[in-house]
Amino acid sequence: MLTGLNIGVFGGDKRYIHIMQKACDEHANITAVGYETANLQDDRIHSTTLDKVAFSTLDVILLPVAGTDSHGKIHSSYTDETMTLTSELLKSTPSHCSIYTGTANNTLRQIADAVNRNLVIFFDRDDIAIANSIPTAEATLQIAMEKTKQTIHGANVLLTGYGRVGKTIAHLFHQIGANITVAARKEADIATIRSLTYNAVFIHEMRQNLQQADIIINTVPTMLFGQQELMIIDPDTLIIDVASKPGGVDFTLANDLHIEAIHALGLPGKVAPITAGEILADVLISFWKKT
C-alpha cells in the first residue's frame, strides 16, 4: 500500500489518469496539476493549479513521459495553463522528494541537481521500454498503412536503429511481409539482424538503400536524415520518426522537398492509453512502495 504517500502529478496524458487511479487504489494522496479539462471521475484525486500546490508536502513528483522542454515547461493534454518547473519550486519540497520522468533533457537534470533532488528516469528500465515498444510498433504500422497507397506486405522498409523499439518494429513489419532492412551501428546487432533473415546495413553505409525505400522508420534521436540523405530519398517515400525529441530528421527540409515526414511522438499514450498506463502504473507503484 501507498498509504500516506503524497504524490504530485504534473501534466501528462490519458496514461496518467490511469496511473493516478491505481495509486489511489493503493491509498496514496494524489494532487493532479494541469488537469482542469480532464474528466477525473475519481474524487480521491485533488485537481489544482501550479500556483496552489503545497510543494512542502510532496514525497513524489511525477512528470510527463517527455519530462520538460528546454525551458522547463511541462506539457499537459488537459490545460491551457503554462506550467514551468524551476529549482525554486523544487527547493520547497522535502529533501527526500524524488522526481519521476520518462526521459530527461539537460534542463531538467540541471533543475533537479540544483536542489539535490533524486531524478528517476523510468524509460531507462528495460521492463518499461520493452513493454512500451509493443504499442509503439503497432501504432507505427497503423501510420504506415494509413499514409501509403500500397500494402505493407512487399514494401521496402528501412529501419534505422536496433534498440528495444527497433527490435519490436522490425519483427512486426517482417511478420506482415515487408522487405525489412535494418541499419545499425554495432557489429553484433548486424549479425543478429542477419540471423533473423532481415537485411542489414551499417548506418554509415545506409545511403545506398535510401532510393529503394518505400517507408523509412527512424528510432534514433540523432540527426540521421539531413540534406545529403533527404536529397536522395524519393518524394513518395514516407518517413516515420518515432525517436524522442528532436528526432533524427530535418523536418523543415523534408517538407520543402515534398517528402512526408511524421514525427510520431508519444504513440503508446495516443493509441493504447489503458495498456500503456497499466505498464507505467505497475512499475511506478512498485517503485513508490519502496519509498
Protein backbone atom coordinates (compact mmCIF):
# COMPACT_ATOMS: atom_id res chain seq x y z
CA MET A 1 0.00 0.00 0.00
CA LEU A 2 0.98 3.64 -0.55
CA THR A 3 -0.91 4.88 2.48
CA GLY A 4 0.06 8.44 3.35
CA LEU A 5 2.34 8.92 0.33
CA ASN A 6 1.81 12.36 -1.22
CA ILE A 7 2.21 12.28 -4.99
CA GLY A 8 2.09 15.35 -7.22
CA VAL A 9 1.29 14.55 -10.86
CA PHE A 10 2.30 17.45 -13.09
CA GLY A 11 0.99 17.25 -16.65
CA GLY A 12 0.67 14.13 -18.73
CA ASP A 13 -1.95 12.41 -20.87
CA LYS A 14 -4.55 9.62 -20.67
CA ARG A 15 -1.96 7.21 -19.31
CA TYR A 16 -1.51 9.35 -16.26
CA ILE A 17 -5.19 9.31 -15.35
CA HIS A 18 -4.93 5.54 -15.15
CA ILE A 19 -1.74 5.79 -13.06
CA MET A 20 -3.43 8.18 -10.62
CA GLN A 21 -6.44 5.89 -10.22
CA LYS A 22 -4.27 2.88 -9.48
CA ALA A 23 -2.20 4.87 -6.99
CA CYS A 24 -5.42 5.95 -5.25
CA ASP A 25 -6.41 2.30 -5.00
CA GLU A 26 -3.19 1.87 -3.03
CA HIS A 27 -4.34 4.73 -0.71
CA ALA A 28 -1.88 7.36 -1.96
CA ASN A 29 -2.79 11.04 -1.78
CA ILE A 30 -2.84 12.43 -5.32
CA THR A 31 -2.55 16.07 -6.36
CA ALA A 32 -3.16 16.49 -10.11
CA VAL A 33 -1.75 19.64 -11.69
CA GLY A 34 -2.79 20.62 -15.20
CA TYR A 35 -5.96 18.54 -15.39
CA GLU A 36 -8.60 21.27 -15.47
CA THR A 37 -10.37 19.87 -18.54
CA ALA A 38 -9.92 16.18 -17.71
CA ASN A 39 -12.84 14.02 -16.70
CA LEU A 40 -11.41 12.86 -13.38
CA GLN A 41 -14.14 10.54 -12.15
CA ASP A 42 -12.18 9.53 -9.07
CA ASP A 43 -12.95 12.06 -6.32
CA ARG A 44 -9.86 10.90 -4.43
CA ILE A 45 -7.76 12.87 -6.94
CA HIS A 46 -7.36 16.51 -5.95
CA SER A 47 -7.11 18.70 -9.07
CA THR A 48 -5.40 22.08 -8.73
CA THR A 49 -3.19 24.61 -10.49
CA LEU A 50 0.56 25.07 -10.20
CA ASP A 51 0.36 28.21 -8.08
CA LYS A 52 -1.70 26.41 -5.43
CA VAL A 53 0.46 23.31 -4.98
CA ALA A 54 1.80 22.68 -1.48
CA PHE A 55 5.27 21.55 -2.57
CA SER A 56 6.39 21.15 1.03
CA THR A 57 4.08 18.14 1.41
CA LEU A 58 5.14 16.18 -1.68
CA ASP A 59 7.04 12.92 -1.37
CA VAL A 60 6.95 12.21 -5.11
CA ILE A 61 6.67 14.34 -8.23
CA LEU A 62 5.60 12.61 -11.43
CA LEU A 63 6.34 14.49 -14.65
CA PRO A 64 5.13 13.62 -18.17
CA VAL A 65 6.89 10.88 -20.09
CA ALA A 66 8.71 13.57 -22.08
CA GLY A 67 9.79 15.40 -18.92
CA THR A 68 10.10 19.12 -19.64
CA ASP A 69 11.13 21.12 -22.66
CA SER A 70 14.40 23.05 -22.82
CA HIS A 71 12.79 25.92 -20.88
CA GLY A 72 11.42 23.71 -18.10
CA LYS A 73 7.86 23.80 -19.42
CA ILE A 74 5.61 20.86 -18.63
CA HIS A 75 3.09 19.62 -21.17
CA SER A 76 -0.41 18.51 -20.22
CA SER A 77 -3.18 17.35 -22.52
CA TYR A 78 -5.78 18.84 -20.17
CA THR A 79 -4.92 22.51 -19.63
CA ASP A 80 -4.04 25.70 -21.44
CA GLU A 81 -2.07 26.90 -18.42
CA THR A 82 1.66 27.32 -18.95
CA MET A 83 3.43 25.22 -16.33
CA THR A 84 7.16 25.70 -15.78
CA LEU A 85 9.24 23.66 -13.37
CA THR A 86 12.01 25.58 -11.63
CA SER A 87 14.59 24.83 -8.98
CA GLU A 88 12.88 27.47 -6.81
CA LEU A 89 9.70 25.39 -6.76
CA LEU A 90 11.59 22.17 -6.04
CA LYS A 91 13.51 23.86 -3.25
CA SER A 92 10.26 23.87 -1.26
CA THR A 93 9.93 20.08 -1.41
CA PRO A 94 11.20 17.79 1.37
CA SER A 95 14.79 16.63 0.83
CA HIS A 96 13.57 13.05 0.29
CA CYS A 97 11.24 14.06 -2.56
CA SER A 98 12.01 12.18 -5.80
CA ILE A 99 11.14 13.26 -9.33
CA TYR A 100 9.97 10.64 -11.81
CA THR A 101 10.02 11.12 -15.57
CA GLY A 102 10.23 9.01 -18.72
CA THR A 103 13.11 10.95 -20.22
CA ALA A 104 15.17 13.92 -19.09
CA ASN A 105 16.94 16.65 -21.03
CA ASN A 106 19.82 18.73 -19.68
CA THR A 107 17.43 21.42 -18.41
CA LEU A 108 15.50 19.01 -16.21
CA ARG A 109 18.70 17.39 -14.94
CA GLN A 110 20.11 20.80 -14.01
CA ILE A 111 16.90 21.81 -12.21
CA ALA A 112 16.96 18.63 -10.12
CA ASP A 113 20.71 18.81 -9.48
CA ALA A 114 20.46 22.42 -8.33
CA VAL A 115 18.40 21.37 -5.31
CA ASN A 116 19.88 17.88 -4.90
CA ARG A 117 16.64 16.02 -5.65
CA ASN A 118 16.68 12.42 -6.86
CA LEU A 119 15.70 12.14 -10.55
CA VAL A 120 14.35 8.74 -11.64
CA ILE A 121 14.18 8.17 -15.41
CA PHE A 122 11.85 5.22 -15.76
CA PHE A 123 12.26 4.68 -19.50
CA ASP A 124 15.83 3.63 -18.74
CA ARG A 125 14.30 0.44 -17.34
CA ASP A 126 14.12 -2.48 -19.78
CA ASP A 127 10.79 -3.73 -18.44
CA ILE A 128 9.01 -0.45 -19.24
CA ALA A 129 10.84 0.24 -22.51
CA ILE A 130 10.29 -3.24 -23.93
CA ALA A 131 6.61 -3.36 -22.92
CA ASN A 132 6.08 0.13 -24.37
CA SER A 133 7.69 -0.91 -27.64
CA ILE A 134 4.65 -3.06 -28.48
CA PRO A 135 2.06 -0.25 -28.74
CA THR A 136 4.73 1.92 -30.41
CA ALA A 137 5.28 -0.71 -33.10
CA GLU A 138 1.54 -1.25 -33.62
CA ALA A 139 0.95 2.50 -33.94
CA THR A 140 3.84 2.81 -36.39
CA LEU A 141 2.27 0.09 -38.51
CA GLN A 142 -1.08 1.89 -38.34
CA ILE A 143 0.50 5.12 -39.59
CA ALA A 144 2.27 3.28 -42.40
CA MET A 145 -0.98 1.63 -43.50
CA GLU A 146 -2.90 4.91 -43.44
CA LYS A 147 -0.27 7.03 -45.16
CA THR A 148 0.81 4.77 -48.02
CA LYS A 149 -1.00 3.68 -51.15
CA GLN A 150 0.40 0.16 -51.19
CA THR A 151 0.30 -2.83 -48.92
CA ILE A 152 2.94 -3.17 -46.24
CA HIS A 153 3.39 -6.73 -47.48
CA GLY A 154 6.09 -6.46 -50.11
CA ALA A 155 7.01 -2.85 -49.26
CA ASN A 156 10.67 -1.93 -48.86
CA VAL A 157 11.06 -0.70 -45.29
CA LEU A 158 14.28 0.83 -43.99
CA LEU A 159 14.50 0.90 -40.19
CA THR A 160 17.26 2.90 -38.50
CA GLY A 161 18.27 1.73 -35.04
CA TYR A 162 18.04 -1.69 -33.44
CA GLY A 163 17.36 -0.89 -29.81
CA ARG A 164 14.35 -2.03 -27.81
CA VAL A 165 11.81 -0.22 -30.01
CA GLY A 166 13.64 -1.06 -33.23
CA LYS A 167 13.63 -4.78 -32.48
CA THR A 168 9.84 -4.85 -31.98
CA ILE A 169 9.13 -2.75 -35.08
CA ALA A 170 11.39 -4.91 -37.22
CA HIS A 171 9.70 -8.09 -36.01
CA LEU A 172 6.19 -6.77 -36.62
CA PHE A 173 6.86 -5.45 -40.13
CA HIS A 174 8.74 -8.63 -41.05
CA GLN A 175 5.83 -10.78 -39.88
CA ILE A 176 3.46 -8.86 -42.16
CA GLY A 177 5.71 -9.50 -45.13
CA ALA A 178 7.64 -6.26 -45.55
CA ASN A 179 11.11 -6.37 -47.03
CA ILE A 180 12.81 -5.04 -43.92
CA THR A 181 16.31 -3.59 -43.91
CA VAL A 182 17.72 -2.57 -40.55
CA ALA A 183 20.51 -0.01 -40.29
CA ALA A 184 22.54 -0.42 -37.11
CA ARG A 185 25.90 0.68 -35.71
CA LYS A 186 27.15 -2.38 -33.82
CA GLU A 187 28.63 -5.43 -35.49
CA ALA A 188 26.81 -7.67 -33.00
CA ASP A 189 23.48 -6.11 -33.99
CA ILE A 190 24.26 -6.59 -37.69
CA ALA A 191 24.94 -10.27 -37.03
CA THR A 192 21.70 -10.65 -35.05
CA ILE A 193 19.66 -8.89 -37.75
CA ARG A 194 21.04 -11.19 -40.44
CA SER A 195 20.38 -14.26 -38.30
CA LEU A 196 16.70 -13.25 -38.24
CA THR A 197 16.74 -13.12 -42.08
CA TYR A 198 16.28 -9.36 -42.23
CA ASN A 199 18.55 -7.32 -44.47
CA ALA A 200 21.26 -5.49 -42.54
CA VAL A 201 23.41 -2.46 -43.25
CA PHE A 202 25.64 -0.27 -41.14
CA ILE A 203 24.12 3.17 -40.53
CA HIS A 204 27.11 4.95 -42.07
CA GLU A 205 26.55 2.96 -45.27
CA MET A 206 22.75 3.23 -45.48
CA ARG A 207 22.62 5.88 -48.22
CA GLN A 208 22.79 3.10 -50.80
CA ASN A 209 19.40 1.90 -49.51
CA LEU A 210 17.57 5.23 -49.41
CA GLN A 211 16.38 5.36 -53.02
CA GLN A 212 14.76 1.94 -52.82
CA ALA A 213 12.86 2.57 -49.59
CA ASP A 214 9.07 2.93 -49.69
CA ILE A 215 8.93 3.56 -45.93
CA ILE A 216 11.69 4.78 -43.62
CA ILE A 217 11.27 4.37 -39.86
CA ASN A 218 13.72 6.10 -37.56
CA THR A 219 14.17 5.18 -33.89
CA VAL A 220 17.43 7.06 -33.25
CA PRO A 221 17.26 10.53 -31.57
CA THR A 222 20.27 11.75 -33.58
CA MET A 223 20.23 13.63 -36.89
CA LEU A 224 20.48 10.88 -39.50
CA PHE A 225 18.38 12.39 -42.26
CA GLY A 226 19.80 15.76 -43.17
CA GLN A 227 20.31 17.37 -46.56
CA GLN A 228 22.59 14.71 -48.01
CA GLU A 229 20.19 11.91 -47.14
CA LEU A 230 16.92 13.66 -47.96
CA MET A 231 18.14 14.70 -51.41
CA ILE A 232 18.48 11.00 -52.25
CA ILE A 233 15.06 9.93 -51.00
CA ASP A 234 12.18 9.66 -53.44
CA PRO A 235 9.43 12.23 -52.66
CA ASP A 236 6.90 9.38 -52.50
CA THR A 237 8.77 7.79 -49.61
CA LEU A 238 7.07 8.01 -46.21
CA ILE A 239 9.29 8.79 -43.21
CA ILE A 240 8.03 7.92 -39.73
CA ASP A 241 10.26 9.14 -36.91
CA VAL A 242 9.42 7.60 -33.52
CA ALA A 243 12.57 8.86 -31.79
CA SER A 244 12.25 11.26 -28.87
CA LYS A 245 12.81 14.97 -29.48
CA PRO A 246 14.47 16.33 -31.53
CA GLY A 247 14.23 13.16 -33.60
CA GLY A 248 16.55 12.20 -36.43
CA VAL A 249 15.06 14.05 -39.41
CA ASP A 250 15.35 17.60 -40.75
CA PHE A 251 11.58 18.03 -40.92
CA THR A 252 11.73 21.54 -42.40
CA LEU A 253 13.86 20.41 -45.31
CA ALA A 254 11.75 17.27 -45.80
CA ASN A 255 8.68 19.48 -46.13
CA ASP A 256 10.49 21.73 -48.63
CA LEU A 257 11.34 18.64 -50.68
CA HIS A 258 7.70 17.45 -50.50
CA ILE A 259 8.64 14.34 -48.54
CA GLU A 260 6.06 13.36 -45.95
CA ALA A 261 7.93 13.05 -42.66
CA ILE A 262 5.95 12.42 -39.49
CA HIS A 263 7.43 12.88 -36.02
CA ALA A 264 5.25 10.37 -34.20
CA LEU A 265 5.79 11.13 -30.52
CA GLY A 266 4.05 9.52 -27.54
CA LEU A 267 2.44 6.76 -29.57
CA PRO A 268 1.60 4.41 -26.65
CA GLY A 269 -0.35 7.16 -24.90
CA LYS A 270 -2.25 8.01 -28.08
CA VAL A 271 -3.19 4.58 -29.39
CA ALA A 272 -3.22 2.35 -26.29
CA PRO A 273 -3.51 4.60 -23.21
CA ILE A 274 -5.04 1.90 -20.98
CA THR A 275 -2.37 -0.69 -21.75
CA ALA A 276 0.41 1.91 -21.62
CA GLY A 277 -0.99 3.31 -18.36
CA GLU A 278 -1.06 -0.12 -16.78
CA ILE A 279 2.56 -0.73 -17.79
CA LEU A 280 3.68 2.51 -16.19
CA ALA A 281 1.43 2.20 -13.14
CA ASP A 282 2.67 -1.26 -12.20
CA VAL A 283 6.32 -0.24 -12.31
CA LEU A 284 5.86 3.17 -10.68
CA ILE A 285 3.78 1.80 -7.82
CA SER A 286 6.41 -0.84 -7.16
CA PHE A 287 8.97 2.00 -7.03
CA TRP A 288 6.84 4.08 -4.67
CA LYS A 289 6.20 1.20 -2.28
CA LYS A 290 9.94 1.20 -1.63
CA THR A 291 9.97 4.96 -0.97
